[in-house]
Amino acid sequence: MARRSAPSQPSRGSSLLRLAAVAVGVAMGAGLIGVLWPIRDRATEPLQRITPADLAKPPSRSITLLVIGLDSERPGDPLNKAAPRGAANADVLLLVRVNPQGPLQVLSLPPNLAVQLPGQKRPQSLGSLYRIGGVALTADAARNLVGLDSGQPARFLVLGRSNLRSLVDGLGSIAANPSLALRYNDKSQRFSINIQGGLQRLKGNQVEQLVRYRDPDRPEESRQENQQLVMRSLLRELALPEQLAQLANLLKSLNNQGVVTNLSQPETLSLLAAGLDQAESVQFTSLPLAPATEPTPTTAGLREISSSAPEPLWPAPATSTAQQ
């Protein structure tokens, strides 16, 4: 029986040629796929860092903005969230001056500052003017108090407590560093404050607690300090590239939640472009108050400006450009 011959084995050189051909084919195929479905190597791409200048062109003049924080959940709510219940009052009052080539300037106005309206026999608190005459009356009082030019403040922004919480939660949280633990409980308002001391990240409800806290020994001063702490933290957070990228959408969300303002979206972005560019050099000013006096039926809880207060109460714009 004839023996079947074994198949011949390929030579080493022939195997190498076949492997080379396969490699060339794979490489050509991969190149063709890359042409049809190009895939970008993100690891080699430079990261685009958004800056405040990318938001909009900053204003050409200094702009003064009146910020009113209400004691209601939203502007337009029929009742506030304070005790006793009633129409909304201004719980936070700030004059914010945005300078195109200088630092952001912020003046805190105490809501319990005594003001005398024409034709009224008794003084009233500055914060109560919003309940009486809305933004217009509050702006008039602020202008006369500080000595602003006619027509100032040119812009206004009215926020409720829920709007502040939504702003912070829209950013995720903000960093804050209270020097002490803050504790308070008010059963009449169903409101509690419980914040640890030290550096931490705060959510919206915690930030509300921080801005509303008053030290019993120095109620007005401590509250203004906490408001400044929150404002600095908000500015730092908003200036981060990842937050700047979503800022336009965040503003639209806030507008849909009842925020009241005469600022358009482009104007808001323009002010933020200038303000956030100077986020680390904000100049805060507080009105010096006279010591509290014994309360009377007409002056209970009201404070007056100290007789040693400087003139003017608020420094002039930080730039040489005229105020708009």
Protein backbone atom coordinates (compact mmCIF):
# COMPACT_ATOMS: atom_id res chain seq x y z
CA MET A 1 0.00 0.00 0.00
CA ALA A 2 1.44 3.25 -1.08
CA ARG A 3 2.31 5.64 1.75
CA ARG A 4 0.52 9.01 1.50
CA SER A 5 3.08 11.72 1.46
CA ALA A 6 2.87 14.36 4.27
CA PRO A 7 1.90 17.90 3.21
CA SER A 8 4.84 20.09 2.71
CA GLN A 9 5.55 22.64 5.57
CA PRO A 10 5.79 26.30 4.62
CA SER A 11 9.17 27.80 4.92
CA ARG A 12 10.00 30.41 7.66
CA GLY A 13 10.39 33.11 5.02
CA SER A 14 6.94 32.38 3.56
CA SER A 15 5.30 32.67 7.05
CA LEU A 16 6.88 36.05 7.66
CA LEU A 17 5.62 37.33 4.32
CA ARG A 18 2.06 36.22 5.16
CA LEU A 19 2.16 37.91 8.58
CA ALA A 20 3.41 41.11 7.00
CA ALA A 21 0.59 41.05 4.46
CA VAL A 22 -2.00 40.56 7.21
CA ALA A 23 -0.55 43.47 9.18
CA VAL A 24 -0.64 45.72 6.14
CA GLY A 25 -4.25 44.76 5.52
CA VAL A 26 -5.29 45.48 9.09
CA ALA A 27 -3.52 48.83 9.02
CA MET A 28 -5.18 49.80 5.73
CA GLY A 29 -8.56 48.73 7.09
CA ALA A 30 -8.12 50.75 10.25
CA GLY A 31 -7.08 53.75 8.19
CA LEU A 32 -10.17 53.42 6.04
CA ILE A 33 -12.42 53.19 9.13
CA GLY A 34 -10.71 56.29 10.47
CA VAL A 35 -11.62 58.15 7.28
CA LEU A 36 -15.26 57.02 7.38
CA TRP A 37 -15.77 57.38 11.16
CA PRO A 38 -13.04 59.65 12.49
CA ILE A 39 -12.54 59.27 16.27
CA ARG A 40 -10.86 62.18 18.06
CA ASP A 41 -8.25 61.40 20.62
CA ARG A 42 -9.54 63.63 23.45
CA ALA A 43 -6.47 62.91 25.54
CA THR A 44 -4.37 64.91 23.08
CA GLU A 45 -6.82 67.84 22.79
CA PRO A 46 -6.15 70.98 24.86
CA LEU A 47 -8.84 71.69 27.47
CA GLN A 48 -10.78 74.87 26.69
CA ARG A 49 -10.89 77.06 29.79
CA ILE A 50 -13.85 79.41 29.78
CA THR A 51 -13.25 82.78 31.43
CA PRO A 52 -15.71 85.52 32.45
CA ALA A 53 -14.66 87.45 29.33
CA ASP A 54 -16.24 84.69 27.24
CA LEU A 55 -19.71 85.42 28.68
CA ALA A 56 -20.28 88.82 27.08
CA LYS A 57 -18.74 92.22 26.54
CA PRO A 58 -18.55 94.06 29.90
CA PRO A 59 -20.46 97.34 30.30
CA SER A 60 -18.70 100.52 29.22
CA ARG A 61 -19.84 102.39 32.35
CA SER A 62 -20.36 101.66 36.01
CA ILE A 63 -23.80 100.17 36.69
CA THR A 64 -25.52 100.25 40.08
CA LEU A 65 -27.87 97.36 40.87
CA LEU A 66 -30.32 97.15 43.79
CA VAL A 67 -30.63 93.58 45.09
CA ILE A 68 -33.67 92.85 47.26
CA GLY A 69 -33.94 89.54 49.12
CA LEU A 70 -37.49 88.95 50.37
CA ASP A 71 -38.74 87.06 53.40
CA SER A 72 -41.18 85.16 51.14
CA GLU A 73 -40.44 82.03 49.14
CA ARG A 74 -40.88 83.81 45.81
CA PRO A 75 -41.58 87.36 44.63
CA GLY A 76 -45.32 87.72 44.22
CA ASP A 77 -46.28 85.31 46.98
CA PRO A 78 -49.26 86.74 48.91
CA LEU A 79 -47.69 85.91 52.28
CA ASN A 80 -44.15 85.89 53.60
CA LYS A 81 -42.46 83.09 55.54
CA ALA A 82 -41.83 85.19 58.63
CA ALA A 83 -43.70 85.72 61.88
CA PRO A 84 -46.17 87.36 62.05
CA ARG A 85 -47.41 86.36 58.61
CA GLY A 86 -48.10 89.15 56.16
CA ALA A 87 -47.00 90.69 52.88
CA ALA A 88 -43.36 90.28 51.89
CA ASN A 89 -40.69 92.58 53.33
CA ALA A 90 -37.15 93.15 52.16
CA ASP A 91 -34.98 90.93 54.35
CA VAL A 92 -31.71 91.68 52.52
CA LEU A 93 -30.86 94.94 50.78
CA LEU A 94 -27.68 95.41 48.74
CA LEU A 95 -26.45 98.09 46.39
CA VAL A 96 -24.03 96.49 43.93
CA ARG A 97 -21.86 98.67 41.71
CA VAL A 98 -20.32 96.86 38.75
CA ASN A 99 -17.23 98.66 37.45
CA PRO A 100 -15.89 97.66 34.02
CA GLN A 101 -12.25 98.23 35.02
CA GLY A 102 -12.32 98.04 38.80
CA PRO A 103 -13.47 95.89 41.71
CA LEU A 104 -17.08 95.04 42.43
CA GLN A 105 -18.44 97.35 45.16
CA VAL A 106 -21.21 96.18 47.51
CA LEU A 107 -23.03 98.26 50.12
CA SER A 108 -25.18 96.46 52.73
CA LEU A 109 -28.29 98.39 53.82
CA PRO A 110 -29.82 97.26 57.14
CA PRO A 111 -33.51 96.36 56.63
CA ASN A 112 -34.32 97.68 60.12
CA LEU A 113 -32.85 101.11 59.39
CA ALA A 114 -35.31 103.84 60.42
CA VAL A 115 -36.63 105.96 57.52
CA GLN A 116 -39.18 108.77 57.60
CA LEU A 117 -41.58 108.91 54.67
CA PRO A 118 -43.08 112.27 53.68
CA GLY A 119 -46.43 112.78 55.39
CA GLN A 120 -45.84 109.97 57.89
CA LYS A 121 -45.65 110.70 61.62
CA ARG A 122 -43.76 107.57 62.59
CA PRO A 123 -40.51 106.23 61.18
CA GLN A 124 -40.60 102.89 59.40
CA SER A 125 -38.03 100.26 58.64
CA LEU A 126 -36.27 100.39 55.30
CA GLY A 127 -37.21 96.76 54.70
CA SER A 128 -40.95 97.48 55.10
CA LEU A 129 -40.95 99.90 52.15
CA TYR A 130 -41.11 97.01 49.70
CA ARG A 131 -44.44 95.97 51.21
CA ILE A 132 -45.72 99.54 50.89
CA GLY A 133 -44.41 100.61 47.51
CA GLY A 134 -42.43 97.78 45.95
CA VAL A 135 -39.15 98.26 44.12
CA ALA A 136 -39.80 101.92 43.22
CA LEU A 137 -40.21 103.14 46.80
CA THR A 138 -37.32 101.00 48.06
CA ALA A 139 -35.03 102.32 45.30
CA ASP A 140 -36.04 105.92 46.04
CA ALA A 141 -35.20 105.49 49.73
CA ALA A 142 -31.84 103.86 48.92
CA ARG A 143 -30.96 106.66 46.49
CA ASN A 144 -31.80 109.41 49.00
CA LEU A 145 -30.05 107.60 51.82
CA VAL A 146 -26.75 107.10 50.00
CA GLY A 147 -26.87 110.20 47.81
CA LEU A 148 -26.95 108.54 44.40
CA ASP A 149 -27.58 110.49 41.21
CA SER A 150 -31.10 110.84 39.83
CA GLY A 151 -32.28 107.64 38.15
CA GLN A 152 -30.05 105.44 40.29
CA PRO A 153 -29.97 102.56 40.95
CA ALA A 154 -30.45 101.84 37.26
CA ARG A 155 -31.22 98.14 37.61
CA PHE A 156 -32.86 95.92 40.22
CA LEU A 157 -33.10 92.24 41.12
CA VAL A 158 -35.71 90.79 43.50
CA LEU A 159 -35.24 87.27 44.90
CA GLY A 160 -37.23 85.07 47.24
CA ARG A 161 -35.74 82.52 49.60
CA SER A 162 -36.44 79.62 47.24
CA ASN A 163 -34.59 81.46 44.44
CA LEU A 164 -31.44 81.61 46.59
CA ARG A 165 -31.70 77.90 47.35
CA SER A 166 -32.20 77.10 43.65
CA LEU A 167 -29.18 79.19 42.66
CA VAL A 168 -26.89 77.35 45.08
CA ASP A 169 -28.29 73.92 44.22
CA GLY A 170 -27.91 74.74 40.53
CA LEU A 171 -24.20 75.18 41.20
CA GLY A 172 -24.14 71.94 43.23
CA SER A 173 -22.97 73.65 46.44
CA ILE A 174 -20.67 76.45 47.53
CA ALA A 175 -17.68 76.52 49.87
CA ALA A 176 -18.06 78.40 53.15
CA ASN A 177 -16.06 78.64 56.34
CA PRO A 178 -18.17 79.75 59.32
CA SER A 179 -15.93 80.53 62.26
CA LEU A 180 -18.37 79.00 64.76
CA ALA A 181 -21.13 76.42 64.84
CA LEU A 182 -24.50 78.12 64.31
CA ARG A 183 -27.58 76.93 66.20
CA TYR A 184 -31.07 78.44 66.28
CA ASN A 185 -34.67 77.25 66.43
CA ASP A 186 -37.77 79.35 65.80
CA LYS A 187 -41.00 77.40 66.29
CA SER A 188 -43.17 80.32 65.17
CA GLN A 189 -41.55 80.27 61.72
CA ARG A 190 -40.86 76.53 61.73
CA PHE A 191 -37.27 77.38 60.94
CA SER A 192 -34.08 75.88 62.37
CA ILE A 193 -30.40 76.62 61.85
CA ASN A 194 -27.83 73.89 62.37
CA ILE A 195 -24.46 74.48 60.70
CA GLN A 196 -21.08 73.21 61.83
CA GLY A 197 -18.13 75.56 62.04
CA GLY A 198 -15.17 75.25 59.66
CA LEU A 199 -14.61 74.90 55.93
CA GLN A 200 -17.34 72.89 54.21
CA ARG A 201 -19.60 72.67 51.17
CA LEU A 202 -23.11 74.00 51.74
CA LYS A 203 -26.32 73.16 49.87
CA GLY A 204 -29.08 75.66 49.20
CA ASN A 205 -31.04 75.15 52.42
CA GLN A 206 -27.84 75.50 54.48
CA VAL A 207 -26.90 78.73 52.69
CA GLU A 208 -30.34 80.11 53.55
CA GLN A 209 -29.68 79.24 57.18
CA LEU A 210 -26.33 81.01 57.08
CA VAL A 211 -27.63 84.29 55.62
CA ARG A 212 -30.52 84.38 58.09
CA TYR A 213 -28.50 83.69 61.23
CA ARG A 214 -28.12 86.49 63.79
CA ASP A 215 -25.72 86.42 66.70
CA PRO A 216 -27.80 87.51 69.74
CA ASP A 217 -24.98 89.81 70.91
CA ARG A 218 -24.49 91.56 67.55
CA PRO A 219 -27.47 90.70 65.34
CA GLU A 220 -27.07 93.18 62.47
CA GLU A 221 -23.29 93.00 62.24
CA SER A 222 -23.18 89.20 62.30
CA ARG A 223 -25.88 88.90 59.67
CA GLN A 224 -24.12 91.27 57.31
CA GLU A 225 -20.86 89.35 57.81
CA ASN A 226 -22.61 86.09 56.93
CA GLN A 227 -24.16 87.67 53.84
CA GLN A 228 -20.73 88.85 52.73
CA LEU A 229 -19.32 85.37 53.31
CA VAL A 230 -22.03 83.83 51.12
CA MET A 231 -21.63 86.45 48.39
CA ARG A 232 -17.86 85.93 48.19
CA SER A 233 -18.38 82.17 47.99
CA LEU A 234 -21.02 82.53 45.27
CA LEU A 235 -18.77 84.75 43.18
CA ARG A 236 -15.84 82.33 43.48
CA GLU A 237 -18.04 79.40 42.49
CA LEU A 238 -19.63 81.23 39.56
CA ALA A 239 -16.18 82.20 38.24
CA LEU A 240 -15.08 78.56 37.88
CA PRO A 241 -14.82 77.46 34.21
CA GLU A 242 -17.21 74.55 34.69
CA GLN A 243 -19.83 76.86 36.21
CA LEU A 244 -19.36 79.57 33.58
CA ALA A 245 -20.16 77.01 30.90
CA GLN A 246 -23.65 76.42 32.33
CA LEU A 247 -24.36 79.96 33.54
CA ALA A 248 -26.73 80.96 30.73
CA ASN A 249 -28.95 77.93 31.39
CA LEU A 250 -28.86 78.61 35.13
CA LEU A 251 -30.07 82.18 34.58
CA LYS A 252 -32.95 80.97 32.41
CA SER A 253 -33.95 78.53 35.11
CA LEU A 254 -34.00 81.27 37.75
CA ASN A 255 -36.08 83.55 35.51
CA ASN A 256 -38.61 80.73 35.17
CA GLN A 257 -38.85 80.58 38.97
CA GLY A 258 -40.27 84.05 39.43
CA VAL A 259 -37.18 86.24 39.84
CA VAL A 260 -38.14 89.89 39.20
CA THR A 261 -35.65 92.13 37.39
CA ASN A 262 -35.39 94.79 34.71
CA LEU A 263 -32.17 93.18 33.45
CA SER A 264 -32.25 91.36 30.14
CA GLN A 265 -30.29 88.14 29.72
CA PRO A 266 -27.53 89.88 27.69
CA GLU A 267 -27.29 92.66 30.32
CA THR A 268 -27.03 90.12 33.12
CA LEU A 269 -24.24 88.26 31.34
CA SER A 270 -22.45 91.57 30.69
CA LEU A 271 -22.55 92.50 34.38
CA LEU A 272 -21.38 89.04 35.37
CA ALA A 273 -18.51 89.24 32.86
CA ALA A 274 -17.24 92.36 34.64
CA GLY A 275 -18.08 91.31 38.20
CA LEU A 276 -16.72 87.77 38.05
CA ASP A 277 -13.50 89.01 36.49
CA GLN A 278 -12.91 90.81 39.81
CA ALA A 279 -14.37 88.08 42.04
CA GLU A 280 -11.37 88.06 44.38
CA SER A 281 -11.31 91.81 45.02
CA VAL A 282 -14.85 92.67 46.07
CA GLN A 283 -15.14 95.80 48.22
CA PHE A 284 -17.83 95.42 50.91
CA THR A 285 -19.13 98.41 52.83
CA SER A 286 -21.59 98.40 55.75
CA LEU A 287 -23.43 101.41 57.11
CA PRO A 288 -22.21 102.23 60.64
CA LEU A 289 -25.18 102.14 63.01
CA ALA A 290 -25.75 104.02 66.22
CA PRO A 291 -26.10 101.88 69.36
CA ALA A 292 -29.55 100.41 69.85
CA THR A 293 -31.75 102.47 72.14
CA GLU A 294 -34.50 101.44 74.52
CA PRO A 295 -37.45 100.41 72.34
CA THR A 296 -40.54 102.60 72.29
CA PRO A 297 -43.93 101.95 70.61
CA THR A 298 -42.74 103.94 67.58
CA THR A 299 -39.12 102.81 67.32
CA ALA A 300 -39.17 99.16 68.41
CA GLY A 301 -36.37 97.32 66.61
CA LEU A 302 -35.34 100.31 64.47
CA ARG A 303 -31.76 101.54 64.16
CA GLU A 304 -30.26 104.83 63.04
CA ILE A 305 -27.05 105.65 61.20
CA SER A 306 -24.19 106.62 63.48
CA SER A 307 -23.47 110.33 63.80
CA SER A 308 -19.82 109.53 63.03
CA ALA A 309 -20.65 107.92 59.68
CA PRO A 310 -18.38 109.12 56.85
CA GLU A 311 -19.50 111.36 54.01
CA PRO A 312 -20.34 110.09 51.50
CA LEU A 313 -21.72 106.88 52.97
CA TRP A 314 -20.59 104.92 49.91
CA PRO A 315 -17.31 105.47 48.06
CA ALA A 316 -17.43 106.84 44.55
CA PRO A 317 -17.13 104.43 41.60
CA ALA A 318 -13.79 102.69 41.40
CA THR A 319 -13.24 103.80 37.78
CA SER A 320 -12.99 107.17 36.14
CA THR A 321 -15.94 106.45 33.85
CA ALA A 322 -19.24 108.13 34.62
CA GLN A 323 -21.88 106.11 36.40
CA GLN A 324 -24.77 105.07 34.20
